[in-house]
Each structure stands twice: as C-alpha cells, then as structure tokens.
C-alpha cells in the first residue's frame, strides 16, 4: 500500500540556534505496519527521505489507550 503524507519542516532549537525538524506521528503509521518499539532506517538522498522498518518489535508492553474526553 502506498500512502503520501504532507508534513511541515519546523525549526528545532539546538546549540544556540535552530535546525530543521520533521515530526512523523499518527495512527497512519500503524496502518502502514509500524508499531511501538520498531527499529527503522532513515535514508536521505537528493531531497528524498525514506523510512523503512528494520525488524518488528519483540514482545514490547503495549501503551495505554488514551482516555476519552
């Protein structure tokens, strides 16, 4: 399954200055097969970033569900 997400590059404070930062989070990650505890490889080349799952998580404790508001 191929899915495209539009994200924003933010400024992140570091060493008395700022560096580019991209936050990748959401239910869509689980829909794409990523789970809590997975290890990933990030490859960046010529303006393209690819994130690949290295291996599935092994018997990690599940996170608590958010409480309904």
PDB file of N, CA and C in Angstrom:
ATOM      1  N   UNK A   1       0.849  -1.172   0.000  1.00  0.00           N
ATOM      2  CA  UNK A   1       0.000   0.000   0.000  1.00  0.00           C
ATOM      3  C   UNK A   1       0.898   1.239   0.000  1.00  0.00           C
ATOM      4  N   UNK A   2       0.658   2.144  -0.903  1.00  0.00           N
ATOM      5  CA  UNK A   2       1.417   3.388  -0.964  1.00  0.00           C
ATOM      6  C   UNK A   2       0.552   4.513  -0.420  1.00  0.00           C
ATOM      7  N   UNK A   3       1.164   5.332   0.410  1.00  0.00           N
ATOM      8  CA  UNK A   3       0.436   6.449   1.010  1.00  0.00           C
ATOM      9  C   UNK A   3       1.363   7.650   1.081  1.00  0.00           C
ATOM     10  N   UNK A   4       0.834   8.807   0.764  1.00  0.00           N
ATOM     11  CA  UNK A   4       1.608  10.043   0.800  1.00  0.00           C
ATOM     12  C   UNK A   4       1.083  10.926   1.925  1.00  0.00           C
ATOM     13  N   UNK A   5       1.999  11.528   2.672  1.00  0.00           N
ATOM     14  CA  UNK A   5       1.638  12.463   3.731  1.00  0.00           C
ATOM     15  C   UNK A   5       2.346  13.786   3.472  1.00  0.00           C
ATOM     16  N   UNK A   6       1.635  14.884   3.656  1.00  0.00           N
ATOM     17  CA  UNK A   6       2.242  16.208   3.572  1.00  0.00           C
ATOM     18  C   UNK A   6       2.562  16.665   4.988  1.00  0.00           C
ATOM     19  N   UNK A   7       3.823  16.925   5.257  1.00  0.00           N
ATOM     20  CA  UNK A   7       4.274  17.354   6.571  1.00  0.00           C
ATOM     21  C   UNK A   7       5.007  18.680   6.443  1.00  0.00           C
ATOM     22  N   UNK A   8       5.205  19.337   7.565  1.00  0.00           N
ATOM     23  CA  UNK A   8       5.887  20.623   7.585  1.00  0.00           C
ATOM     24  C   UNK A   8       7.249  20.477   8.258  1.00  0.00           C
ATOM     25  N   UNK A   9       8.238  21.180   7.755  1.00  0.00           N
ATOM     26  CA  UNK A   9       9.555  21.234   8.381  1.00  0.00           C
ATOM     27  C   UNK A   9       9.532  22.388   9.376  1.00  0.00           C
ATOM     28  N   UNK A  10       9.827  22.064  10.636  1.00  0.00           N
ATOM     29  CA  UNK A  10       9.815  23.056  11.704  1.00  0.00           C
ATOM     30  C   UNK A  10      11.235  23.418  12.116  1.00  0.00           C
ATOM     31  N   UNK A  11      11.360  24.512  12.846  1.00  0.00           N
ATOM     32  CA  UNK A  11      12.637  24.899  13.447  1.00  0.00           C
ATOM     33  C   UNK A  11      12.707  24.247  14.831  1.00  0.00           C
ATOM     34  N   UNK A  12      13.830  23.622  15.144  1.00  0.00           N
ATOM     35  CA  UNK A  12      14.052  22.972  16.432  1.00  0.00           C
ATOM     36  C   UNK A  12      15.274  23.603  17.069  1.00  0.00           C
ATOM     37  N   UNK A  13      15.121  24.117  18.316  1.00  0.00           N
ATOM     38  CA  UNK A  13      16.259  24.785  18.954  1.00  0.00           C
ATOM     39  C   UNK A  13      17.373  23.792  19.304  1.00  0.00           C
ATOM     40  N   UNK A  14      18.596  24.149  18.941  1.00  0.00           N
ATOM     41  CA  UNK A  14      19.748  23.299  19.227  1.00  0.00           C
ATOM     42  C   UNK A  14      21.018  24.135  19.217  1.00  0.00           C
ATOM     43  N   UNK A  15      21.827  24.013  20.262  1.00  0.00           N
ATOM     44  CA  UNK A  15      23.127  24.690  20.337  1.00  0.00           C
ATOM     45  C   UNK A  15      23.060  26.176  19.994  1.00  0.00           C
ATOM     46  N   UNK A  16      22.208  26.909  20.688  1.00  0.00           N
ATOM     47  CA  UNK A  16      22.062  28.356  20.490  1.00  0.00           C
ATOM     48  C   UNK A  16      21.643  28.744  19.078  1.00  0.00           C
ATOM     49  N   UNK A  17      20.973  27.857  18.378  1.00  0.00           N
ATOM     50  CA  UNK A  17      20.475  28.132  17.033  1.00  0.00           C
ATOM     51  C   UNK A  17      19.304  27.203  16.747  1.00  0.00           C
ATOM     52  N   UNK A  18      19.013  27.026  15.491  1.00  0.00           N
ATOM     53  CA  UNK A  18      17.897  26.171  15.095  1.00  0.00           C
ATOM     54  C   UNK A  18      18.337  25.231  13.980  1.00  0.00           C
ATOM     55  N   UNK A  19      17.722  24.041  13.973  1.00  0.00           N
ATOM     56  CA  UNK A  19      17.953  23.065  12.909  1.00  0.00           C
ATOM     57  C   UNK A  19      16.590  22.629  12.381  1.00  0.00           C
ATOM     58  N   UNK A  20      16.524  22.144  11.134  1.00  0.00           N
ATOM     59  CA  UNK A  20      15.252  21.654  10.603  1.00  0.00           C
ATOM     60  C   UNK A  20      14.796  20.401  11.353  1.00  0.00           C
ATOM     61  N   UNK A  21      13.486  20.266  11.520  1.00  0.00           N
ATOM     62  CA  UNK A  21      12.907  19.128  12.228  1.00  0.00           C
ATOM     63  C   UNK A  21      11.612  18.708  11.546  1.00  0.00           C
ATOM     64  N   UNK A  22      11.406  17.397  11.420  1.00  0.00           N
ATOM     65  CA  UNK A  22      10.165  16.857  10.864  1.00  0.00           C
ATOM     66  C   UNK A  22       9.614  15.856  11.869  1.00  0.00           C
ATOM     67  N   UNK A  23       8.369  16.035  12.296  1.00  0.00           N
ATOM     68  CA  UNK A  23       7.728  15.110  13.233  1.00  0.00           C
ATOM     69  C   UNK A  23       6.868  14.138  12.442  1.00  0.00           C
ATOM     70  N   UNK A  24       7.092  12.859  12.671  1.00  0.00           N
ATOM     71  CA  UNK A  24       6.320  11.813  11.995  1.00  0.00           C
ATOM     72  C   UNK A  24       5.564  11.056  13.077  1.00  0.00           C
ATOM     73  N   UNK A  25       4.251  11.239  13.148  1.00  0.00           N
ATOM     74  CA  UNK A  25       3.446  10.599  14.177  1.00  0.00           C
ATOM     75  C   UNK A  25       2.007  10.478  13.695  1.00  0.00           C
ATOM     76  N   UNK A  26       1.316   9.469  14.164  1.00  0.00           N
ATOM     77  CA  UNK A  26      -0.101   9.345  13.847  1.00  0.00           C
ATOM     78  C   UNK A  26      -0.538   7.900  13.675  1.00  0.00           C
ATOM     79  N   UNK A  27      -1.857   7.710  13.701  1.00  0.00           N
ATOM     80  CA  UNK A  27      -2.436   6.379  13.522  1.00  0.00           C
ATOM     81  C   UNK A  27      -2.065   5.781  12.175  1.00  0.00           C
ATOM     82  N   UNK A  28      -1.815   6.631  11.196  1.00  0.00           N
ATOM     83  CA  UNK A  28      -1.487   6.143   9.858  1.00  0.00           C
ATOM     84  C   UNK A  28      -0.211   5.314   9.870  1.00  0.00           C
ATOM     85  N   UNK A  29       0.712   5.556  10.836  1.00  0.00           N
ATOM     86  CA  UNK A  29       1.919   4.738  10.930  1.00  0.00           C
ATOM     87  C   UNK A  29       1.554   3.286  11.235  1.00  0.00           C
ATOM     88  N   UNK A  30       0.612   3.078  12.164  1.00  0.00           N
ATOM     89  CA  UNK A  30       0.150   1.723  12.477  1.00  0.00           C
ATOM     90  C   UNK A  30      -0.521   1.096  11.260  1.00  0.00           C
ATOM     91  N   UNK A  31      -1.286   1.887  10.530  1.00  0.00           N
ATOM     92  CA  UNK A  31      -1.944   1.383   9.316  1.00  0.00           C
ATOM     93  C   UNK A  31      -0.922   0.946   8.272  1.00  0.00           C
ATOM     94  N   UNK A  32       0.269   1.529   8.326  1.00  0.00           N
ATOM     95  CA  UNK A  32       1.334   1.175   7.382  1.00  0.00           C
ATOM     96  C   UNK A  32       2.231   0.057   7.920  1.00  0.00           C
ATOM     97  N   UNK A  33       1.899  -0.484   9.107  1.00  0.00           N
ATOM     98  CA  UNK A  33       2.640  -1.611   9.639  1.00  0.00           C
ATOM     99  C   UNK A  33       3.699  -1.279  10.668  1.00  0.00           C
ATOM    100  N   UNK A  34       3.845  -0.009  11.055  1.00  0.00           N
ATOM    101  CA  UNK A  34       4.814   0.380  12.079  1.00  0.00           C
ATOM    102  C   UNK A  34       4.153   0.274  13.448  1.00  0.00           C
ATOM    103  N   UNK A  35       4.879  -0.288  14.414  1.00  0.00           N
ATOM    104  CA  UNK A  35       4.342  -0.395  15.762  1.00  0.00           C
ATOM    105  C   UNK A  35       5.364   0.134  16.759  1.00  0.00           C
ATOM    106  N   UNK A  36       4.879   0.430  17.958  1.00  0.00           N
ATOM    107  CA  UNK A  36       5.720   0.910  19.045  1.00  0.00           C
ATOM    108  C   UNK A  36       6.883  -0.058  19.258  1.00  0.00           C
ATOM    109  N   UNK A  37       8.088   0.478  19.294  1.00  0.00           N
ATOM    110  CA  UNK A  37       9.273  -0.336  19.526  1.00  0.00           C
ATOM    111  C   UNK A  37      10.002  -0.781  18.274  1.00  0.00           C
ATOM    112  N   UNK A  38       9.387  -0.629  17.102  1.00  0.00           N
ATOM    113  CA  UNK A  38      10.075  -0.986  15.852  1.00  0.00           C
ATOM    114  C   UNK A  38      11.357  -0.174  15.709  1.00  0.00           C
ATOM    115  N   UNK A  39      12.362  -0.764  15.113  1.00  0.00           N
ATOM    116  CA  UNK A  39      13.579  -0.052  14.720  1.00  0.00           C
ATOM    117  C   UNK A  39      13.406   0.318  13.252  1.00  0.00           C
ATOM    118  N   UNK A  40      13.852   1.511  12.879  1.00  0.00           N
ATOM    119  CA  UNK A  40      13.717   1.961  11.500  1.00  0.00           C
ATOM    120  C   UNK A  40      15.054   2.453  10.972  1.00  0.00           C
ATOM    121  N   UNK A  41      15.166   2.474   9.664  1.00  0.00           N
ATOM    122  CA  UNK A  41      16.313   3.061   8.977  1.00  0.00           C
ATOM    123  C   UNK A  41      15.800   4.250   8.185  1.00  0.00           C
ATOM    124  N   UNK A  42      16.459   5.384   8.334  1.00  0.00           N
ATOM    125  CA  UNK A  42      16.113   6.577   7.583  1.00  0.00           C
ATOM    126  C   UNK A  42      17.225   6.806   6.565  1.00  0.00           C
ATOM    127  N   UNK A  43      16.846   6.906   5.306  1.00  0.00           N
ATOM    128  CA  UNK A  43      17.796   7.159   4.228  1.00  0.00           C
ATOM    129  C   UNK A  43      17.419   8.474   3.564  1.00  0.00           C
ATOM    130  N   UNK A  44      18.377   9.363   3.419  1.00  0.00           N
ATOM    131  CA  UNK A  44      18.124  10.653   2.783  1.00  0.00           C
ATOM    132  C   UNK A  44      19.096  10.842   1.629  1.00  0.00           C
ATOM    133  N   UNK A  45      18.544  11.205   0.461  1.00  0.00           N
ATOM    134  CA  UNK A  45      19.382  11.427  -0.716  1.00  0.00           C
ATOM    135  C   UNK A  45      18.650  12.324  -1.701  1.00  0.00           C
ATOM    136  N   UNK A  46      19.318  13.384  -2.114  1.00  0.00           N
ATOM    137  CA  UNK A  46      18.786  14.292  -3.142  1.00  0.00           C
ATOM    138  C   UNK A  46      17.360  14.774  -2.854  1.00  0.00           C
ATOM    139  N   UNK A  47      17.111  15.200  -1.619  1.00  0.00           N
ATOM    140  CA  UNK A  47      15.807  15.755  -1.273  1.00  0.00           C
ATOM    141  C   UNK A  47      14.723  14.726  -1.026  1.00  0.00           C
ATOM    142  N   UNK A  48      15.069  13.436  -0.958  1.00  0.00           N
ATOM    143  CA  UNK A  48      14.092  12.372  -0.703  1.00  0.00           C
ATOM    144  C   UNK A  48      14.482  11.644   0.571  1.00  0.00           C
ATOM    145  N   UNK A  49      13.530  11.528   1.510  1.00  0.00           N
ATOM    146  CA  UNK A  49      13.755  10.790   2.748  1.00  0.00           C
ATOM    147  C   UNK A  49      12.887   9.540   2.704  1.00  0.00           C
ATOM    148  N   UNK A  50      13.501   8.395   2.958  1.00  0.00           N
ATOM    149  CA  UNK A  50      12.785   7.123   3.012  1.00  0.00           C
ATOM    150  C   UNK A  50      12.966   6.534   4.408  1.00  0.00           C
ATOM    151  N   UNK A  51      11.862   6.107   5.023  1.00  0.00           N
ATOM    152  CA  UNK A  51      11.913   5.465   6.330  1.00  0.00           C
ATOM    153  C   UNK A  51      11.444   4.030   6.150  1.00  0.00           C
ATOM    154  N   UNK A  52      12.299   3.074   6.554  1.00  0.00           N
ATOM    155  CA  UNK A  52      11.987   1.657   6.398  1.00  0.00           C
ATOM    156  C   UNK A  52      12.078   0.951   7.741  1.00  0.00           C
ATOM    157  N   UNK A  53      11.122   0.058   8.002  1.00  0.00           N
ATOM    158  CA  UNK A  53      11.163  -0.731   9.234  1.00  0.00           C
ATOM    159  C   UNK A  53      12.253  -1.780   9.102  1.00  0.00           C
ATOM    160  N   UNK A  54      13.137  -1.873  10.108  1.00  0.00           N
ATOM    161  CA  UNK A  54      14.224  -2.845  10.093  1.00  0.00           C
ATOM    162  C   UNK A  54      13.744  -4.217  10.532  1.00  0.00           C
ATOM    163  N   UNK A  55      13.032  -4.257  11.656  1.00  0.00           N
ATOM    164  CA  UNK A  55      12.548  -5.522  12.189  1.00  0.00           C
ATOM    165  C   UNK A  55      11.372  -5.244  13.104  1.00  0.00           C
ATOM    166  N   UNK A  56      10.454  -6.186  13.213  1.00  0.00           N
ATOM    167  CA  UNK A  56       9.314  -5.975  14.120  1.00  0.00           C
ATOM    168  C   UNK A  56       9.756  -5.933  15.574  1.00  0.00           C
ATOM    169  N   UNK A  57       8.979  -5.247  16.392  1.00  0.00           N
ATOM    170  CA  UNK A  57       9.239  -5.202  17.830  1.00  0.00           C
ATOM    171  C   UNK A  57       8.996  -6.582  18.425  1.00  0.00           C
ATOM    172  N   UNK A  58       9.770  -6.932  19.435  1.00  0.00           N
ATOM    173  CA  UNK A  58       9.626  -8.232  20.081  1.00  0.00           C
ATOM    174  C   UNK A  58       8.987  -8.090  21.460  1.00  0.00           C
ATOM    175  N   UNK A  59       7.744  -8.494  21.561  1.00  0.00           N
ATOM    176  CA  UNK A  59       7.038  -8.575  22.833  1.00  0.00           C
ATOM    177  C   UNK A  59       7.237  -7.355  23.726  1.00  0.00           C
ATOM    178  N   UNK A  60       7.003  -6.192  23.193  1.00  0.00           N
ATOM    179  CA  UNK A  60       7.092  -4.970  23.990  1.00  0.00           C
ATOM    180  C   UNK A  60       5.756  -4.730  24.686  1.00  0.00           C
ATOM    181  N   UNK A  61       5.768  -4.110  25.852  1.00  0.00           N
ATOM    182  CA  UNK A  61       4.499  -3.813  26.517  1.00  0.00           C
ATOM    183  C   UNK A  61       3.695  -2.831  25.684  1.00  0.00           C
ATOM    184  N   UNK A  62       2.388  -3.009  25.684  1.00  0.00           N
ATOM    185  CA  UNK A  62       1.546  -2.102  24.913  1.00  0.00           C
ATOM    186  C   UNK A  62       1.375  -0.799  25.680  1.00  0.00           C
ATOM    187  N   UNK A  63       1.193   0.259  24.937  1.00  0.00           N
ATOM    188  CA  UNK A  63       0.961   1.570  25.548  1.00  0.00           C
ATOM    189  C   UNK A  63      -0.497   1.672  25.960  1.00  0.00           C
ATOM    190  N   UNK A  64      -0.792   2.410  27.027  1.00  0.00           N
ATOM    191  CA  UNK A  64      -2.186   2.568  27.426  1.00  0.00           C
ATOM    192  C   UNK A  64      -2.961   3.357  26.374  1.00  0.00           C
ATOM    193  N   UNK A  65      -4.229   3.020  26.225  1.00  0.00           N
ATOM    194  CA  UNK A  65      -5.088   3.758  25.293  1.00  0.00           C
ATOM    195  C   UNK A  65      -5.378   5.125  25.876  1.00  0.00           C
ATOM    196  N   UNK A  66      -5.477   6.151  24.993  1.00  0.00           N
ATOM    197  CA  UNK A  66      -5.819   7.476  25.502  1.00  0.00           C
ATOM    198  C   UNK A  66      -7.214   7.460  26.103  1.00  0.00           C
ATOM    199  N   UNK A  67      -7.406   8.180  27.194  1.00  0.00           N
ATOM    200  CA  UNK A  67      -8.726   8.228  27.815  1.00  0.00           C
ATOM    201  C   UNK A  67      -9.636   9.116  26.997  1.00  0.00           C
ATOM    202  N   UNK A  68     -10.890   8.694  26.822  1.00  0.00           N
ATOM    203  CA  UNK A  68     -11.846   9.514  26.031  1.00  0.00           C
ATOM    204  C   UNK A  68     -12.171  10.801  26.765  1.00  0.00           C
ATOM    205  N   UNK A  69     -12.322  11.860  26.006  1.00  0.00           N
ATOM    206  CA  UNK A  69     -12.661  13.168  26.601  1.00  0.00           C
ATOM    207  C   UNK A  69     -14.142  13.422  26.554  1.00  0.00           C
TER     208      UNK A  69
END
